[in-house]
Amino acid sequence: MLTQEQINESWTVRSDNYNRYVEEEFETDRPEKWLQIIEANAPSTRPLRVLDAGCGPGFFSVLLSRASDRQEAERGKSGLSDSSL
């Protein structure tokens, strides 16, 4: 089992590639498709508040912010914090 320090180091090294992957995702039609799925399954009650815990580089945080009235995101890994959202 990896220690928290090893996990953090791994994400720090991988975060640049992960962030590029997410940026490339936004250049496709997938965000719109995900947003349609999210909106179709979101409760109709308003205001809609969303917490995206462990949001990584923010792909779903951005989508959720488009579908909600109030959205909060919380990162868990230090390596992603420098290049995300």
PDB file of N, CA and C in Angstrom:
ATOM      1  N   MET A   1       0.844  -1.177   0.000  1.00  0.00           N
ATOM      2  CA  MET A   1       0.000   0.000   0.000  1.00  0.00           C
ATOM      3  C   MET A   1       0.892   1.244   0.000  1.00  0.00           C
ATOM      4  N   LEU A   2       0.496   2.229  -0.802  1.00  0.00           N
ATOM      5  CA  LEU A   2       1.259   3.468  -0.891  1.00  0.00           C
ATOM      6  C   LEU A   2       0.965   4.380   0.291  1.00  0.00           C
ATOM      7  N   THR A   3       1.987   5.116   0.696  1.00  0.00           N
ATOM      8  CA  THR A   3       1.783   6.115   1.741  1.00  0.00           C
ATOM      9  C   THR A   3       1.173   7.360   1.114  1.00  0.00           C
ATOM     10  N   GLN A   4       0.631   8.235   1.943  1.00  0.00           N
ATOM     11  CA  GLN A   4       0.056   9.488   1.437  1.00  0.00           C
ATOM     12  C   GLN A   4       1.125  10.304   0.712  1.00  0.00           C
ATOM     13  N   GLU A   5       2.335  10.297   1.220  1.00  0.00           N
ATOM     14  CA  GLU A   5       3.425  11.034   0.582  1.00  0.00           C
ATOM     15  C   GLU A   5       3.712  10.489  -0.819  1.00  0.00           C
ATOM     16  N   GLN A   6       3.705   9.177  -0.978  1.00  0.00           N
ATOM     17  CA  GLN A   6       3.943   8.567  -2.286  1.00  0.00           C
ATOM     18  C   GLN A   6       2.802   8.898  -3.259  1.00  0.00           C
ATOM     19  N   ILE A   7       1.594   8.883  -2.763  1.00  0.00           N
ATOM     20  CA  ILE A   7       0.441   9.226  -3.595  1.00  0.00           C
ATOM     21  C   ILE A   7       0.538  10.683  -4.050  1.00  0.00           C
ATOM     22  N   ASN A   8       0.859  11.585  -3.119  1.00  0.00           N
ATOM     23  CA  ASN A   8       0.998  12.998  -3.463  1.00  0.00           C
ATOM     24  C   ASN A   8       2.088  13.212  -4.505  1.00  0.00           C
ATOM     25  N   GLU A   9       3.218  12.547  -4.349  1.00  0.00           N
ATOM     26  CA  GLU A   9       4.321  12.671  -5.299  1.00  0.00           C
ATOM     27  C   GLU A   9       3.900  12.163  -6.673  1.00  0.00           C
ATOM     28  N   SER A  10       3.196  11.052  -6.711  1.00  0.00           N
ATOM     29  CA  SER A  10       2.739  10.495  -7.976  1.00  0.00           C
ATOM     30  C   SER A  10       1.822  11.474  -8.702  1.00  0.00           C
ATOM     31  N   TRP A  11       0.880  12.076  -7.979  1.00  0.00           N
ATOM     32  CA  TRP A  11      -0.040  13.037  -8.602  1.00  0.00           C
ATOM     33  C   TRP A  11       0.682  14.302  -9.009  1.00  0.00           C
ATOM     34  N   THR A  12       1.689  14.716  -8.246  1.00  0.00           N
ATOM     35  CA  THR A  12       2.456  15.899  -8.608  1.00  0.00           C
ATOM     36  C   THR A  12       3.141  15.680  -9.947  1.00  0.00           C
ATOM     37  N   VAL A  13       3.720  14.507 -10.146  1.00  0.00           N
ATOM     38  CA  VAL A  13       4.398  14.178 -11.392  1.00  0.00           C
ATOM     39  C   VAL A  13       3.397  14.055 -12.532  1.00  0.00           C
ATOM     40  N   ARG A  14       2.249  13.461 -12.264  1.00  0.00           N
ATOM     41  CA  ARG A  14       1.260  13.185 -13.311  1.00  0.00           C
ATOM     42  C   ARG A  14       0.322  14.355 -13.595  1.00  0.00           C
ATOM     43  N   SER A  15       0.308  15.369 -12.743  1.00  0.00           N
ATOM     44  CA  SER A  15      -0.705  16.421 -12.867  1.00  0.00           C
ATOM     45  C   SER A  15      -0.612  17.193 -14.176  1.00  0.00           C
ATOM     46  N   ASP A  16       0.590  17.429 -14.699  1.00  0.00           N
ATOM     47  CA  ASP A  16       0.708  18.153 -15.968  1.00  0.00           C
ATOM     48  C   ASP A  16       0.008  17.406 -17.095  1.00  0.00           C
ATOM     49  N   ASN A  17       0.267  16.109 -17.204  1.00  0.00           N
ATOM     50  CA  ASN A  17      -0.391  15.317 -18.249  1.00  0.00           C
ATOM     51  C   ASN A  17      -1.891  15.251 -18.025  1.00  0.00           C
ATOM     52  N   TYR A  18      -2.306  15.113 -16.777  1.00  0.00           N
ATOM     53  CA  TYR A  18      -3.727  15.031 -16.451  1.00  0.00           C
ATOM     54  C   TYR A  18      -4.429  16.322 -16.832  1.00  0.00           C
ATOM     55  N   ASN A  19      -3.799  17.445 -16.533  1.00  0.00           N
ATOM     56  CA  ASN A  19      -4.381  18.735 -16.863  1.00  0.00           C
ATOM     57  C   ASN A  19      -4.503  18.900 -18.375  1.00  0.00           C
ATOM     58  N   ARG A  20      -3.500  18.484 -19.127  1.00  0.00           N
ATOM     59  CA  ARG A  20      -3.566  18.555 -20.594  1.00  0.00           C
ATOM     60  C   ARG A  20      -4.703  17.685 -21.131  1.00  0.00           C
ATOM     61  N   TYR A  21      -4.869  16.511 -20.534  1.00  0.00           N
ATOM     62  CA  TYR A  21      -5.954  15.617 -20.955  1.00  0.00           C
ATOM     63  C   TYR A  21      -7.306  16.302 -20.781  1.00  0.00           C
ATOM     64  N   VAL A  22      -7.497  16.961 -19.647  1.00  0.00           N
ATOM     65  CA  VAL A  22      -8.771  17.641 -19.394  1.00  0.00           C
ATOM     66  C   VAL A  22      -8.960  18.804 -20.364  1.00  0.00           C
ATOM     67  N   GLU A  23      -7.921  19.561 -20.638  1.00  0.00           N
ATOM     68  CA  GLU A  23      -8.025  20.654 -21.601  1.00  0.00           C
ATOM     69  C   GLU A  23      -8.431  20.116 -22.972  1.00  0.00           C
ATOM     70  N   GLU A  24      -7.863  18.990 -23.358  1.00  0.00           N
ATOM     71  CA  GLU A  24      -8.235  18.369 -24.631  1.00  0.00           C
ATOM     72  C   GLU A  24      -9.687  17.908 -24.628  1.00  0.00           C
ATOM     73  N   GLU A  25     -10.161  17.438 -23.479  1.00  0.00           N
ATOM     74  CA  GLU A  25     -11.571  17.019 -23.368  1.00  0.00           C
ATOM     75  C   GLU A  25     -12.507  18.179 -23.668  1.00  0.00           C
ATOM     76  N   PHE A  26     -12.163  19.379 -23.215  1.00  0.00           N
ATOM     77  CA  PHE A  26     -13.020  20.542 -23.440  1.00  0.00           C
ATOM     78  C   PHE A  26     -13.044  20.975 -24.898  1.00  0.00           C
ATOM     79  N   GLU A  27     -12.130  20.477 -25.690  1.00  0.00           N
ATOM     80  CA  GLU A  27     -12.110  20.792 -27.116  1.00  0.00           C
ATOM     81  C   GLU A  27     -12.954  19.813 -27.932  1.00  0.00           C
ATOM     82  N   THR A  28     -13.594  18.854 -27.272  1.00  0.00           N
ATOM     83  CA  THR A  28     -14.444  17.875 -27.942  1.00  0.00           C
ATOM     84  C   THR A  28     -15.912  18.197 -27.652  1.00  0.00           C
ATOM     85  N   ASP A  29     -16.794  17.323 -28.111  1.00  0.00           N
ATOM     86  CA  ASP A  29     -18.218  17.495 -27.820  1.00  0.00           C
ATOM     87  C   ASP A  29     -18.619  16.809 -26.510  1.00  0.00           C
ATOM     88  N   ARG A  30     -17.679  16.164 -25.847  1.00  0.00           N
ATOM     89  CA  ARG A  30     -18.004  15.423 -24.619  1.00  0.00           C
ATOM     90  C   ARG A  30     -18.514  16.295 -23.480  1.00  0.00           C
ATOM     91  N   PRO A  31     -17.959  17.493 -23.243  1.00  0.00           N
ATOM     92  CA  PRO A  31     -18.510  18.306 -22.147  1.00  0.00           C
ATOM     93  C   PRO A  31     -20.001  18.594 -22.312  1.00  0.00           C
ATOM     94  N   GLU A  32     -20.418  18.892 -23.529  1.00  0.00           N
ATOM     95  CA  GLU A  32     -21.837  19.158 -23.770  1.00  0.00           C
ATOM     96  C   GLU A  32     -22.683  17.909 -23.510  1.00  0.00           C
ATOM     97  N   LYS A  33     -22.169  16.756 -23.921  1.00  0.00           N
ATOM     98  CA  LYS A  33     -22.893  15.500 -23.671  1.00  0.00           C
ATOM     99  C   LYS A  33     -22.996  15.223 -22.175  1.00  0.00           C
ATOM    100  N   TRP A  34     -21.888  15.431 -21.436  1.00  0.00           N
ATOM    101  CA  TRP A  34     -21.923  15.241 -19.984  1.00  0.00           C
ATOM    102  C   TRP A  34     -22.900  16.221 -19.338  1.00  0.00           C
ATOM    103  N   LEU A  35     -22.879  17.458 -19.795  1.00  0.00           N
ATOM    104  CA  LEU A  35     -23.772  18.465 -19.227  1.00  0.00           C
ATOM    105  C   LEU A  35     -25.232  18.082 -19.445  1.00  0.00           C
ATOM    106  N   GLN A  36     -25.556  17.544 -20.590  1.00  0.00           N
ATOM    107  CA  GLN A  36     -26.920  17.080 -20.851  1.00  0.00           C
ATOM    108  C   GLN A  36     -27.304  15.955 -19.888  1.00  0.00           C
ATOM    109  N   ILE A  37     -26.394  15.032 -19.637  1.00  0.00           N
ATOM    110  CA  ILE A  37     -26.658  13.930 -18.701  1.00  0.00           C
ATOM    111  C   ILE A  37     -26.843  14.471 -17.288  1.00  0.00           C
ATOM    112  N   ILE A  38     -25.968  15.378 -16.896  1.00  0.00           N
ATOM    113  CA  ILE A  38     -26.053  15.964 -15.549  1.00  0.00           C
ATOM    114  C   ILE A  38     -27.382  16.683 -15.374  1.00  0.00           C
ATOM    115  N   GLU A  39     -27.744  17.533 -16.331  1.00  0.00           N
ATOM    116  CA  GLU A  39     -28.986  18.300 -16.223  1.00  0.00           C
ATOM    117  C   GLU A  39     -30.219  17.400 -16.257  1.00  0.00           C
ATOM    118  N   ALA A  40     -30.156  16.317 -17.021  1.00  0.00           N
ATOM    119  CA  ALA A  40     -31.296  15.391 -17.098  1.00  0.00           C
ATOM    120  C   ALA A  40     -31.503  14.643 -15.784  1.00  0.00           C
ATOM    121  N   ASN A  41     -30.446  14.482 -15.001  1.00  0.00           N
ATOM    122  CA  ASN A  41     -30.525  13.713 -13.766  1.00  0.00           C
ATOM    123  C   ASN A  41     -30.480  14.566 -12.503  1.00  0.00           C
ATOM    124  N   ALA A  42     -30.304  15.850 -12.647  1.00  0.00           N
ATOM    125  CA  ALA A  42     -30.251  16.740 -11.484  1.00  0.00           C
ATOM    126  C   ALA A  42     -31.655  16.956 -10.939  1.00  0.00           C
ATOM    127  N   PRO A  43     -31.763  17.161  -9.641  1.00  0.00           N
ATOM    128  CA  PRO A  43     -33.080  17.446  -9.075  1.00  0.00           C
ATOM    129  C   PRO A  43     -33.635  18.750  -9.648  1.00  0.00           C
ATOM    130  N   SER A  44     -34.938  18.832  -9.768  1.00  0.00           N
ATOM    131  CA  SER A  44     -35.561  20.036 -10.323  1.00  0.00           C
ATOM    132  C   SER A  44     -35.702  21.139  -9.276  1.00  0.00           C
ATOM    133  N   THR A  45     -35.507  20.791  -8.019  1.00  0.00           N
ATOM    134  CA  THR A  45     -35.615  21.777  -6.943  1.00  0.00           C
ATOM    135  C   THR A  45     -34.498  22.807  -7.055  1.00  0.00           C
ATOM    136  N   ARG A  46     -34.847  24.057  -6.849  1.00  0.00           N
ATOM    137  CA  ARG A  46     -33.874  25.134  -6.899  1.00  0.00           C
ATOM    138  C   ARG A  46     -33.894  25.907  -5.601  1.00  0.00           C
ATOM    139  N   PRO A  47     -32.815  26.483  -5.166  1.00  0.00           N
ATOM    140  CA  PRO A  47     -31.543  26.512  -5.865  1.00  0.00           C
ATOM    141  C   PRO A  47     -30.828  25.162  -5.789  1.00  0.00           C
ATOM    142  N   LEU A  48     -30.119  24.836  -6.825  1.00  0.00           N
ATOM    143  CA  LEU A  48     -29.340  23.602  -6.885  1.00  0.00           C
ATOM    144  C   LEU A  48     -27.927  23.911  -6.396  1.00  0.00           C
ATOM    145  N   ARG A  49     -27.511  23.229  -5.349  1.00  0.00           N
ATOM    146  CA  ARG A  49     -26.171  23.416  -4.789  1.00  0.00           C
ATOM    147  C   ARG A  49     -25.391  22.124  -4.966  1.00  0.00           C
ATOM    148  N   VAL A  50     -24.150  22.233  -5.421  1.00  0.00           N
ATOM    149  CA  VAL A  50     -23.332  21.070  -5.731  1.00  0.00           C
ATOM    150  C   VAL A  50     -21.975  21.203  -5.060  1.00  0.00           C
ATOM    151  N   LEU A  51     -21.511  20.116  -4.452  1.00  0.00           N
ATOM    152  CA  LEU A  51     -20.160  20.040  -3.914  1.00  0.00           C
ATOM    153  C   LEU A  51     -19.421  18.972  -4.704  1.00  0.00           C
ATOM    154  N   ASP A  52     -18.332  19.344  -5.334  1.00  0.00           N
ATOM    155  CA  ASP A  52     -17.488  18.407  -6.071  1.00  0.00           C
ATOM    156  C   ASP A  52     -16.241  18.166  -5.234  1.00  0.00           C
ATOM    157  N   ALA A  53     -16.288  17.152  -4.384  1.00  0.00           N
ATOM    158  CA  ALA A  53     -15.164  16.843  -3.496  1.00  0.00           C
ATOM    159  C   ALA A  53     -14.141  16.001  -4.239  1.00  0.00           C
ATOM    160  N   GLY A  54     -12.886  16.386  -4.155  1.00  0.00           N
ATOM    161  CA  GLY A  54     -11.838  15.676  -4.881  1.00  0.00           C
ATOM    162  C   GLY A  54     -11.925  15.980  -6.361  1.00  0.00           C
ATOM    163  N   CYS A  55     -12.035  17.258  -6.700  1.00  0.00           N
ATOM    164  CA  CYS A  55     -12.375  17.671  -8.065  1.00  0.00           C
ATOM    165  C   CYS A  55     -11.244  17.539  -9.073  1.00  0.00           C
ATOM    166  N   GLY A  56     -10.051  17.163  -8.633  1.00  0.00           N
ATOM    167  CA  GLY A  56      -8.950  17.032  -9.582  1.00  0.00           C
ATOM    168  C   GLY A  56      -8.708  18.336 -10.314  1.00  0.00           C
ATOM    169  N   PRO A  57      -8.499  18.292 -11.625  1.00  0.00           N
ATOM    170  CA  PRO A  57      -8.232  19.519 -12.363  1.00  0.00           C
ATOM    171  C   PRO A  57      -9.482  20.307 -12.708  1.00  0.00           C
ATOM    172  N   GLY A  58     -10.636  19.833 -12.328  1.00  0.00           N
ATOM    173  CA  GLY A  58     -11.843  20.636 -12.433  1.00  0.00           C
ATOM    174  C   GLY A  58     -12.757  20.384 -13.614  1.00  0.00           C
ATOM    175  N   PHE A  59     -12.586  19.291 -14.325  1.00  0.00           N
ATOM    176  CA  PHE A  59     -13.450  19.009 -15.485  1.00  0.00           C
ATOM    177  C   PHE A  59     -14.919  19.020 -15.087  1.00  0.00           C
ATOM    178  N   PHE A  60     -15.280  18.208 -14.111  1.00  0.00           N
ATOM    179  CA  PHE A  60     -16.685  18.158 -13.707  1.00  0.00           C
ATOM    180  C   PHE A  60     -17.080  19.385 -12.897  1.00  0.00           C
ATOM    181  N   SER A  61     -16.137  20.014 -12.223  1.00  0.00           N
ATOM    182  CA  SER A  61     -16.455  21.246 -11.498  1.00  0.00           C
ATOM    183  C   SER A  61     -16.962  22.315 -12.451  1.00  0.00           C
ATOM    184  N   VAL A  62     -16.310  22.443 -13.603  1.00  0.00           N
ATOM    185  CA  VAL A  62     -16.743  23.418 -14.596  1.00  0.00           C
ATOM    186  C   VAL A  62     -18.133  23.054 -15.108  1.00  0.00           C
ATOM    187  N   LEU A  63     -18.334  21.782 -15.437  1.00  0.00           N
ATOM    188  CA  LEU A  63     -19.650  21.364 -15.924  1.00  0.00           C
ATOM    189  C   LEU A  63     -20.729  21.564 -14.872  1.00  0.00           C
ATOM    190  N   LEU A  64     -20.432  21.190 -13.636  1.00  0.00           N
ATOM    191  CA  LEU A  64     -21.415  21.340 -12.565  1.00  0.00           C
ATOM    192  C   LEU A  64     -21.736  22.808 -12.310  1.00  0.00           C
ATOM    193  N   SER A  65     -20.754  23.679 -12.478  1.00  0.00           N
ATOM    194  CA  SER A  65     -21.016  25.103 -12.269  1.00  0.00           C
ATOM    195  C   SER A  65     -21.987  25.635 -13.320  1.00  0.00           C
ATOM    196  N   ARG A  66     -21.979  25.039 -14.492  1.00  0.00           N
ATOM    197  CA  ARG A  66     -22.916  25.439 -15.550  1.00  0.00           C
ATOM    198  C   ARG A  66     -24.330  24.940 -15.272  1.00  0.00           C
ATOM    199  N   ALA A  67     -24.442  23.860 -14.503  1.00  0.00           N
ATOM    200  CA  ALA A  67     -25.751  23.246 -14.260  1.00  0.00           C
ATOM    201  C   ALA A  67     -26.335  23.610 -12.900  1.00  0.00           C
ATOM    202  N   SER A  68     -25.576  24.319 -12.071  1.00  0.00           N
ATOM    203  CA  SER A  68     -26.053  24.576 -10.715  1.00  0.00           C
ATOM    204  C   SER A  68     -26.107  26.064 -10.421  1.00  0.00           C
ATOM    205  N   ASP A  69     -26.803  26.398  -9.353  1.00  0.00           N
ATOM    206  CA  ASP A  69     -26.892  27.775  -8.913  1.00  0.00           C
ATOM    207  C   ASP A  69     -25.708  28.142  -8.028  1.00  0.00           C
ATOM    208  N   ARG A  70     -25.203  27.150  -7.339  1.00  0.00           N
ATOM    209  CA  ARG A  70     -24.037  27.357  -6.470  1.00  0.00           C
ATOM    210  C   ARG A  70     -23.213  26.083  -6.484  1.00  0.00           C
ATOM    211  N   GLN A  71     -21.919  26.220  -6.746  1.00  0.00           N
ATOM    212  CA  GLN A  71     -21.049  25.059  -6.862  1.00  0.00           C
ATOM    213  C   GLN A  71     -19.767  25.339  -6.115  1.00  0.00           C
ATOM    214  N   GLU A  72     -19.299  24.344  -5.360  1.00  0.00           N
ATOM    215  CA  GLU A  72     -18.033  24.444  -4.655  1.00  0.00           C
ATOM    216  C   GLU A  72     -17.198  23.226  -4.988  1.00  0.00           C
ATOM    217  N   ALA A  73     -15.895  23.431  -5.111  1.00  0.00           N
ATOM    218  CA  ALA A  73     -14.982  22.340  -5.437  1.00  0.00           C
ATOM    219  C   ALA A  73     -13.875  22.301  -4.402  1.00  0.00           C
ATOM    220  N   GLU A  74     -13.474  21.114  -4.046  1.00  0.00           N
ATOM    221  CA  GLU A  74     -12.416  20.921  -3.055  1.00  0.00           C
ATOM    222  C   GLU A  74     -11.380  19.960  -3.616  1.00  0.00           C
ATOM    223  N   ARG A  75     -10.158  20.423  -3.716  1.00  0.00           N
ATOM    224  CA  ARG A  75      -9.066  19.574  -4.193  1.00  0.00           C
ATOM    225  C   ARG A  75      -8.478  18.807  -3.019  1.00  0.00           C
ATOM    226  N   GLY A  76      -7.981  17.627  -3.316  1.00  0.00           N
ATOM    227  CA  GLY A  76      -7.381  16.825  -2.259  1.00  0.00           C
ATOM    228  C   GLY A  76      -5.897  16.581  -2.412  1.00  0.00           C
ATOM    229  N   LYS A  77      -5.366  16.721  -3.599  1.00  0.00           N
ATOM    230  CA  LYS A  77      -3.962  16.417  -3.853  1.00  0.00           C
ATOM    231  C   LYS A  77      -3.209  17.683  -4.195  1.00  0.00           C
ATOM    232  N   SER A  78      -2.068  17.884  -3.564  1.00  0.00           N
ATOM    233  CA  SER A  78      -1.314  19.115  -3.744  1.00  0.00           C
ATOM    234  C   SER A  78      -0.814  19.309  -5.173  1.00  0.00           C
ATOM    235  N   GLY A  79      -0.450  18.268  -5.869  1.00  0.00           N
ATOM    236  CA  GLY A  79       0.107  18.402  -7.201  1.00  0.00           C
ATOM    237  C   GLY A  79      -0.865  18.976  -8.201  1.00  0.00           C
ATOM    238  N   LEU A  80      -2.139  18.717  -8.022  1.00  0.00           N
ATOM    239  CA  LEU A  80      -3.130  19.221  -8.964  1.00  0.00           C
ATOM    240  C   LEU A  80      -3.458  20.692  -8.698  1.00  0.00           C
ATOM    241  N   SER A  81      -3.226  21.148  -7.498  1.00  0.00           N
ATOM    242  CA  SER A  81      -3.617  22.503  -7.128  1.00  0.00           C
ATOM    243  C   SER A  81      -2.933  23.567  -7.968  1.00  0.00           C
ATOM    244  N   ASP A  82      -1.724  23.311  -8.391  1.00  0.00           N
ATOM    245  CA  ASP A  82      -0.959  24.326  -9.097  1.00  0.00           C
ATOM    246  C   ASP A  82      -1.446  24.569 -10.515  1.00  0.00           C
ATOM    247  N   SER A  83      -2.064  23.588 -11.144  1.00  0.00           N
ATOM    248  CA  SER A  83      -2.381  23.736 -12.552  1.00  0.00           C
ATOM    249  C   SER A  83      -3.849  23.590 -12.874  1.00  0.00           C
ATOM    250  N   SER A  84      -4.683  23.457 -11.890  1.00  0.00           N
ATOM    251  CA  SER A  84      -6.086  23.173 -12.183  1.00  0.00           C
ATOM    252  C   SER A  84      -6.991  24.332 -11.857  1.00  0.00           C
ATOM    253  N   LEU A  85      -8.217  24.181 -12.330  1.00  0.00           N
ATOM    254  CA  LEU A  85      -9.257  25.191 -12.151  1.00  0.00           C
ATOM    255  C   LEU A  85      -8.684  26.523 -12.548  1.00  0.00           C
TER     256      LEU A  85
END
